[in-house]
Amino acid sequence: MRATAAAQRDEHDDDDPPLHLHGHTFALPSGLRKDTVLLAPMQSVALDLDADNVGDWMVHCHNIYHAEAGMMIGLLYHG
């Protein structure tokens, strides 16, 4: 599965949120496999994800104040 992660924030934010995916790893365009990627303001990155761990998983920012503000989604799939 190919996905795109994007940081849709104001370009004046002073930090790069670490976006973390539970239950999986993904490949960056470089081929490096990770479960967390830093995103600069207004940046997007292509991710290659093997959807091989069926269930309900969380994708969220590791900065708690971003997560509390809503930078959190669910990755849900069932086989």
C-alpha atoms as a PDB file:
ATOM      1  CA  MET A   1       0.000   0.000   0.000  1.00  0.00           C
ATOM      2  CA  ARG A   2       1.396   3.419  -0.894  1.00  0.00           C
ATOM      3  CA  ALA A   3       0.484   6.334   1.358  1.00  0.00           C
ATOM      4  CA  THR A   4       1.525   9.942   1.715  1.00  0.00           C
ATOM      5  CA  ALA A   5       2.152  11.570   5.075  1.00  0.00           C
ATOM      6  CA  ALA A   6       1.924  15.348   5.177  1.00  0.00           C
ATOM      7  CA  ALA A   7       2.419  18.043   7.809  1.00  0.00           C
ATOM      8  CA  GLN A   8      -0.236  20.639   7.021  1.00  0.00           C
ATOM      9  CA  ARG A   9       0.859  23.272   9.503  1.00  0.00           C
ATOM     10  CA  ASP A  10       1.874  26.879   9.403  1.00  0.00           C
ATOM     11  CA  GLU A  11       5.370  27.329   7.965  1.00  0.00           C
ATOM     12  CA  HIS A  12       6.262  29.392  11.060  1.00  0.00           C
ATOM     13  CA  ASP A  13       5.962  26.418  13.441  1.00  0.00           C
ATOM     14  CA  ASP A  14       9.299  25.877  15.141  1.00  0.00           C
ATOM     15  CA  ASP A  15       9.433  22.098  15.350  1.00  0.00           C
ATOM     16  CA  ASP A  16       9.275  19.046  13.115  1.00  0.00           C
ATOM     17  CA  PRO A  17       6.608  16.621  14.342  1.00  0.00           C
ATOM     18  CA  PRO A  18       7.661  12.964  14.623  1.00  0.00           C
ATOM     19  CA  LEU A  19       4.788  11.064  12.972  1.00  0.00           C
ATOM     20  CA  HIS A  20       4.611   7.527  14.407  1.00  0.00           C
ATOM     21  CA  LEU A  21       2.762   4.469  13.068  1.00  0.00           C
ATOM     22  CA  HIS A  22       1.832   1.662  15.476  1.00  0.00           C
ATOM     23  CA  GLY A  23       2.000  -2.002  14.470  1.00  0.00           C
ATOM     24  CA  HIS A  24       3.914  -1.540  11.218  1.00  0.00           C
ATOM     25  CA  THR A  25       7.019  -0.228   9.570  1.00  0.00           C
ATOM     26  CA  PHE A  26       7.099   1.630   6.277  1.00  0.00           C
ATOM     27  CA  ALA A  27       9.734   2.245   3.623  1.00  0.00           C
ATOM     28  CA  LEU A  28      10.827   5.788   2.856  1.00  0.00           C
ATOM     29  CA  PRO A  29      11.757   6.722  -0.739  1.00  0.00           C
ATOM     30  CA  SER A  30      15.394   5.956   0.223  1.00  0.00           C
ATOM     31  CA  GLY A  31      14.384   2.355   1.066  1.00  0.00           C
ATOM     32  CA  LEU A  32      15.049   2.838   4.791  1.00  0.00           C
ATOM     33  CA  ARG A  33      12.373   1.123   6.935  1.00  0.00           C
ATOM     34  CA  LYS A  34      11.044   3.064   9.929  1.00  0.00           C
ATOM     35  CA  ASP A  35       7.963   3.446  12.117  1.00  0.00           C
ATOM     36  CA  THR A  36       8.491   7.178  12.743  1.00  0.00           C
ATOM     37  CA  VAL A  37       9.317  10.007  10.339  1.00  0.00           C
ATOM     38  CA  LEU A  38      10.051  13.683  11.040  1.00  0.00           C
ATOM     39  CA  LEU A  39       7.986  16.073   8.922  1.00  0.00           C
ATOM     40  CA  ALA A  40       8.920  19.711   8.449  1.00  0.00           C
ATOM     41  CA  PRO A  41       6.066  22.246   8.182  1.00  0.00           C
ATOM     42  CA  MET A  42       4.182  21.818   4.892  1.00  0.00           C
ATOM     43  CA  GLN A  43       6.313  18.764   3.949  1.00  0.00           C
ATOM     44  CA  SER A  44       4.945  15.521   2.575  1.00  0.00           C
ATOM     45  CA  VAL A  45       6.681  12.181   2.089  1.00  0.00           C
ATOM     46  CA  ALA A  46       5.687   9.002   0.225  1.00  0.00           C
ATOM     47  CA  LEU A  47       5.545   5.878   2.377  1.00  0.00           C
ATOM     48  CA  ASP A  48       5.406   2.250   1.228  1.00  0.00           C
ATOM     49  CA  LEU A  49       3.499   0.215   3.817  1.00  0.00           C
ATOM     50  CA  ASP A  50       2.983  -3.547   3.794  1.00  0.00           C
ATOM     51  CA  ALA A  51      -0.540  -3.864   5.194  1.00  0.00           C
ATOM     52  CA  ASP A  52       0.175  -7.245   6.770  1.00  0.00           C
ATOM     53  CA  ASN A  53      -0.833  -6.724  10.401  1.00  0.00           C
ATOM     54  CA  VAL A  54      -4.635  -6.639  10.359  1.00  0.00           C
ATOM     55  CA  GLY A  55      -6.338  -4.568  13.025  1.00  0.00           C
ATOM     56  CA  ASP A  56      -6.943  -1.080  14.337  1.00  0.00           C
ATOM     57  CA  TRP A  57      -3.759   0.976  14.624  1.00  0.00           C
ATOM     58  CA  MET A  58      -2.968   4.521  15.651  1.00  0.00           C
ATOM     59  CA  VAL A  59      -0.941   7.041  13.650  1.00  0.00           C
ATOM     60  CA  HIS A  60      -0.007  10.063  15.757  1.00  0.00           C
ATOM     61  CA  CYS A  61       2.503  12.771  16.497  1.00  0.00           C
ATOM     62  CA  HIS A  62       4.908  11.930  19.303  1.00  0.00           C
ATOM     63  CA  ASN A  63       4.725  15.538  20.530  1.00  0.00           C
ATOM     64  CA  ILE A  64       1.870  15.211  23.005  1.00  0.00           C
ATOM     65  CA  TYR A  65       0.659  18.773  22.488  1.00  0.00           C
ATOM     66  CA  HIS A  66       0.231  18.032  18.763  1.00  0.00           C
ATOM     67  CA  ALA A  67      -1.566  14.758  19.483  1.00  0.00           C
ATOM     68  CA  GLU A  68      -3.886  16.539  21.938  1.00  0.00           C
ATOM     69  CA  ALA A  69      -4.606  19.144  19.249  1.00  0.00           C
ATOM     70  CA  GLY A  70      -5.755  16.412  16.857  1.00  0.00           C
ATOM     71  CA  MET A  71      -2.641  15.200  15.040  1.00  0.00           C
ATOM     72  CA  MET A  72      -3.824  11.610  15.435  1.00  0.00           C
ATOM     73  CA  ILE A  73      -5.681   9.249  13.084  1.00  0.00           C
ATOM     74  CA  GLY A  74      -6.605   5.602  12.935  1.00  0.00           C
ATOM     75  CA  LEU A  75      -5.343   3.068  10.396  1.00  0.00           C
ATOM     76  CA  LEU A  76      -8.077   0.433  10.307  1.00  0.00           C
ATOM     77  CA  TYR A  77      -8.196  -2.605   8.056  1.00  0.00           C
ATOM     78  CA  HIS A  78      -9.466  -6.133   8.389  1.00  0.00           C
ATOM     79  CA  GLY A  79      -8.764  -9.216   6.330  1.00  0.00           C
END
